[in-house]
Amino acid sequence: MSLENYRFHKEHTWVKLAGKSKKVKVGITDYAQESLGDIIYIELPEVDSHVDADTELAEIESTKTSSPVIAPVSGIVVQINEELVDHPEIINEDPYGKGWIAVIEMDNSDELEDLMDQEEYESYLEEEK
């Protein structure tokens, strides 16, 4: 799968860019969902709430642990993935597609410059191991 339009945060979250829009989809990486194991619950953010980059956006519970989802960018949550309420396992099945968590309208698209592209993220994962 090509992750060309994705940017990655060191806390294993991603943003998917959609053209020149300030709205980005946010989710967790394949590495994160694998580390968590079977996801059984997610506490989604409130629509219209404001999040800051590097702060907690959501909380995921798995059979192993509970883990915060760190916002890769700052902005207003304009949409959440309602499907995850009843089916959080979608994140395990399709972390870069149907398993997205929220759409954020960014305060400042310059924050994307602080995130890694796919190649940089893969190198980062290698260093983490």
C-alpha atoms as a PDB file:
ATOM      1  CA  MET A   1       0.000   0.000   0.000  1.00  0.00           C
ATOM      2  CA  SER A   2       1.329   3.424  -0.920  1.00  0.00           C
ATOM      3  CA  LEU A   3       1.415   5.844   1.964  1.00  0.00           C
ATOM      4  CA  GLU A   4       2.657   8.711  -0.179  1.00  0.00           C
ATOM      5  CA  ASN A   5       0.021  11.198   1.070  1.00  0.00           C
ATOM      6  CA  TYR A   6       0.570  10.293   4.716  1.00  0.00           C
ATOM      7  CA  ARG A   7       2.775  11.959   7.313  1.00  0.00           C
ATOM      8  CA  PHE A   8       3.793  10.250  10.542  1.00  0.00           C
ATOM      9  CA  HIS A   9       4.248  11.371  14.143  1.00  0.00           C
ATOM     10  CA  LYS A  10       6.851   9.771  16.424  1.00  0.00           C
ATOM     11  CA  GLU A  11       3.986   8.572  18.669  1.00  0.00           C
ATOM     12  CA  HIS A  12       2.798   6.283  15.824  1.00  0.00           C
ATOM     13  CA  THR A  13      -0.093   8.354  14.546  1.00  0.00           C
ATOM     14  CA  TRP A  14      -0.598   9.489  10.962  1.00  0.00           C
ATOM     15  CA  VAL A  15      -2.277  12.264   9.022  1.00  0.00           C
ATOM     16  CA  LYS A  16      -3.539  11.796   5.486  1.00  0.00           C
ATOM     17  CA  LEU A  17      -3.336  14.874   3.309  1.00  0.00           C
ATOM     18  CA  ALA A  18      -6.169  15.689   0.935  1.00  0.00           C
ATOM     19  CA  GLY A  19      -4.954  18.197  -1.635  1.00  0.00           C
ATOM     20  CA  LYS A  20      -4.717  21.801  -0.452  1.00  0.00           C
ATOM     21  CA  SER A  21      -7.375  21.294   2.227  1.00  0.00           C
ATOM     22  CA  LYS A  22      -6.590  22.155   5.845  1.00  0.00           C
ATOM     23  CA  LYS A  23      -8.608  19.082   6.848  1.00  0.00           C
ATOM     24  CA  VAL A  24      -6.639  15.899   7.497  1.00  0.00           C
ATOM     25  CA  LYS A  25      -7.684  12.415   8.526  1.00  0.00           C
ATOM     26  CA  VAL A  26      -5.865  11.066  11.574  1.00  0.00           C
ATOM     27  CA  GLY A  27      -5.320   7.494  12.724  1.00  0.00           C
ATOM     28  CA  ILE A  28      -2.763   5.147  14.246  1.00  0.00           C
ATOM     29  CA  THR A  29      -0.092   3.289  12.314  1.00  0.00           C
ATOM     30  CA  ASP A  30       0.041  -0.396  11.519  1.00  0.00           C
ATOM     31  CA  TYR A  31       2.951  -0.638  13.959  1.00  0.00           C
ATOM     32  CA  ALA A  32       0.805   0.892  16.731  1.00  0.00           C
ATOM     33  CA  GLN A  33      -2.171  -1.397  16.168  1.00  0.00           C
ATOM     34  CA  GLU A  34       0.150  -4.439  16.092  1.00  0.00           C
ATOM     35  CA  SER A  35       1.793  -3.351  19.341  1.00  0.00           C
ATOM     36  CA  LEU A  36      -1.591  -2.883  20.997  1.00  0.00           C
ATOM     37  CA  GLY A  37      -3.025  -6.220  19.925  1.00  0.00           C
ATOM     38  CA  ASP A  38      -6.800  -6.695  19.675  1.00  0.00           C
ATOM     39  CA  ILE A  39      -8.474  -3.309  20.084  1.00  0.00           C
ATOM     40  CA  ILE A  40     -11.668  -3.595  22.120  1.00  0.00           C
ATOM     41  CA  TYR A  41     -12.624   0.035  22.805  1.00  0.00           C
ATOM     42  CA  ILE A  42     -11.828   3.567  21.693  1.00  0.00           C
ATOM     43  CA  GLU A  43     -12.764   6.815  23.386  1.00  0.00           C
ATOM     44  CA  LEU A  44     -13.165   9.259  20.506  1.00  0.00           C
ATOM     45  CA  PRO A  45     -12.670  13.015  20.788  1.00  0.00           C
ATOM     46  CA  GLU A  46     -15.635  15.402  20.814  1.00  0.00           C
ATOM     47  CA  VAL A  47     -16.585  17.007  17.501  1.00  0.00           C
ATOM     48  CA  ASP A  48     -15.822  20.762  17.602  1.00  0.00           C
ATOM     49  CA  SER A  49     -13.219  20.240  20.332  1.00  0.00           C
ATOM     50  CA  HIS A  50      -9.748  21.733  19.862  1.00  0.00           C
ATOM     51  CA  VAL A  51      -6.622  19.580  20.146  1.00  0.00           C
ATOM     52  CA  ASP A  52      -3.000  20.605  20.277  1.00  0.00           C
ATOM     53  CA  ALA A  53      -0.242  18.681  18.525  1.00  0.00           C
ATOM     54  CA  ASP A  54       1.543  16.257  20.875  1.00  0.00           C
ATOM     55  CA  THR A  55      -1.455  15.996  23.246  1.00  0.00           C
ATOM     56  CA  GLU A  56      -4.009  13.226  23.689  1.00  0.00           C
ATOM     57  CA  LEU A  57      -6.637  13.043  20.955  1.00  0.00           C
ATOM     58  CA  ALA A  58      -8.278   9.739  21.887  1.00  0.00           C
ATOM     59  CA  GLU A  59      -7.772   6.712  24.131  1.00  0.00           C
ATOM     60  CA  ILE A  60      -7.558   3.146  22.819  1.00  0.00           C
ATOM     61  CA  GLU A  61      -8.044   0.041  24.918  1.00  0.00           C
ATOM     62  CA  SER A  62      -6.855  -3.352  23.769  1.00  0.00           C
ATOM     63  CA  THR A  63      -6.775  -6.766  25.370  1.00  0.00           C
ATOM     64  CA  LYS A  64      -3.194  -5.937  26.458  1.00  0.00           C
ATOM     65  CA  THR A  65      -3.234  -2.282  27.501  1.00  0.00           C
ATOM     66  CA  SER A  66      -4.713   1.187  27.319  1.00  0.00           C
ATOM     67  CA  SER A  67      -2.916   3.793  25.252  1.00  0.00           C
ATOM     68  CA  PRO A  68      -3.415   7.461  24.354  1.00  0.00           C
ATOM     69  CA  VAL A  69      -3.638   8.453  20.698  1.00  0.00           C
ATOM     70  CA  ILE A  70      -1.419  11.527  20.316  1.00  0.00           C
ATOM     71  CA  ALA A  71      -2.597  14.272  17.942  1.00  0.00           C
ATOM     72  CA  PRO A  72      -0.022  14.807  15.171  1.00  0.00           C
ATOM     73  CA  VAL A  73      -1.332  18.333  14.435  1.00  0.00           C
ATOM     74  CA  SER A  74      -3.294  21.095  16.195  1.00  0.00           C
ATOM     75  CA  GLY A  75      -6.804  22.049  15.178  1.00  0.00           C
ATOM     76  CA  ILE A  76     -10.527  21.521  15.519  1.00  0.00           C
ATOM     77  CA  VAL A  77     -12.009  18.011  15.391  1.00  0.00           C
ATOM     78  CA  VAL A  78     -14.603  18.335  12.606  1.00  0.00           C
ATOM     79  CA  GLN A  79     -15.541  14.665  12.241  1.00  0.00           C
ATOM     80  CA  ILE A  80     -15.059  11.386  14.091  1.00  0.00           C
ATOM     81  CA  ASN A  81     -15.289   7.834  12.813  1.00  0.00           C
ATOM     82  CA  GLU A  82     -18.594   6.791  14.438  1.00  0.00           C
ATOM     83  CA  GLU A  83     -18.175   3.250  13.107  1.00  0.00           C
ATOM     84  CA  LEU A  84     -15.370   2.669  15.628  1.00  0.00           C
ATOM     85  CA  VAL A  85     -17.781   3.028  18.565  1.00  0.00           C
ATOM     86  CA  ASP A  86     -19.336  -0.368  17.841  1.00  0.00           C
ATOM     87  CA  HIS A  87     -16.458  -1.829  15.836  1.00  0.00           C
ATOM     88  CA  PRO A  88     -13.089  -0.659  17.229  1.00  0.00           C
ATOM     89  CA  GLU A  89     -11.462  -3.767  15.690  1.00  0.00           C
ATOM     90  CA  ILE A  90     -11.632  -1.963  12.311  1.00  0.00           C
ATOM     91  CA  ILE A  91      -8.432  -0.214  13.424  1.00  0.00           C
ATOM     92  CA  ASN A  92      -6.682  -3.608  13.576  1.00  0.00           C
ATOM     93  CA  GLU A  93      -8.077  -4.625  10.194  1.00  0.00           C
ATOM     94  CA  ASP A  94      -7.447  -1.421   8.217  1.00  0.00           C
ATOM     95  CA  PRO A  95      -5.411   1.172  10.194  1.00  0.00           C
ATOM     96  CA  TYR A  96      -4.716   3.398   7.153  1.00  0.00           C
ATOM     97  CA  GLY A  97      -8.183   3.169   5.612  1.00  0.00           C
ATOM     98  CA  LYS A  98     -11.489   2.472   7.345  1.00  0.00           C
ATOM     99  CA  GLY A  99      -9.754   2.593  10.744  1.00  0.00           C
ATOM    100  CA  TRP A 100      -9.221   6.371  10.715  1.00  0.00           C
ATOM    101  CA  ILE A 101     -10.102   8.047  14.017  1.00  0.00           C
ATOM    102  CA  ALA A 102     -10.901  11.707  13.325  1.00  0.00           C
ATOM    103  CA  VAL A 103     -10.739  14.543  10.830  1.00  0.00           C
ATOM    104  CA  ILE A 104      -8.946  17.635  12.102  1.00  0.00           C
ATOM    105  CA  GLU A 105      -9.097  21.066  10.500  1.00  0.00           C
ATOM    106  CA  MET A 106      -5.546  22.226  11.095  1.00  0.00           C
ATOM    107  CA  ASP A 107      -4.730  25.539  12.756  1.00  0.00           C
ATOM    108  CA  ASN A 108      -1.410  25.702  10.957  1.00  0.00           C
ATOM    109  CA  SER A 109      -0.451  23.456   8.049  1.00  0.00           C
ATOM    110  CA  ASP A 110       3.225  24.284   8.746  1.00  0.00           C
ATOM    111  CA  GLU A 111       3.022  21.650  11.506  1.00  0.00           C
ATOM    112  CA  LEU A 112       3.084  19.020   8.748  1.00  0.00           C
ATOM    113  CA  GLU A 113       6.745  19.946   8.238  1.00  0.00           C
ATOM    114  CA  ASP A 114       7.483  18.450  11.677  1.00  0.00           C
ATOM    115  CA  LEU A 115       6.114  15.049  10.658  1.00  0.00           C
ATOM    116  CA  MET A 116       7.921  12.208   8.889  1.00  0.00           C
ATOM    117  CA  ASP A 117       7.179  10.808   5.451  1.00  0.00           C
ATOM    118  CA  GLN A 118       6.866   7.043   4.968  1.00  0.00           C
ATOM    119  CA  GLU A 119      10.585   6.473   4.393  1.00  0.00           C
ATOM    120  CA  GLU A 120      11.600   8.521   7.441  1.00  0.00           C
ATOM    121  CA  TYR A 121       9.013   6.748   9.580  1.00  0.00           C
ATOM    122  CA  GLU A 122      10.255   3.301   8.502  1.00  0.00           C
ATOM    123  CA  SER A 123      13.823   4.333   9.401  1.00  0.00           C
ATOM    124  CA  TYR A 124      12.536   5.633  12.753  1.00  0.00           C
ATOM    125  CA  LEU A 125      10.905   2.248  13.442  1.00  0.00           C
ATOM    126  CA  GLU A 126      14.156   0.445  12.640  1.00  0.00           C
ATOM    127  CA  GLU A 127      15.989   2.624  15.179  1.00  0.00           C
ATOM    128  CA  GLU A 128      13.294   1.942  17.801  1.00  0.00           C
ATOM    129  CA  LYS A 129      13.773  -1.839  17.623  1.00  0.00           C
END
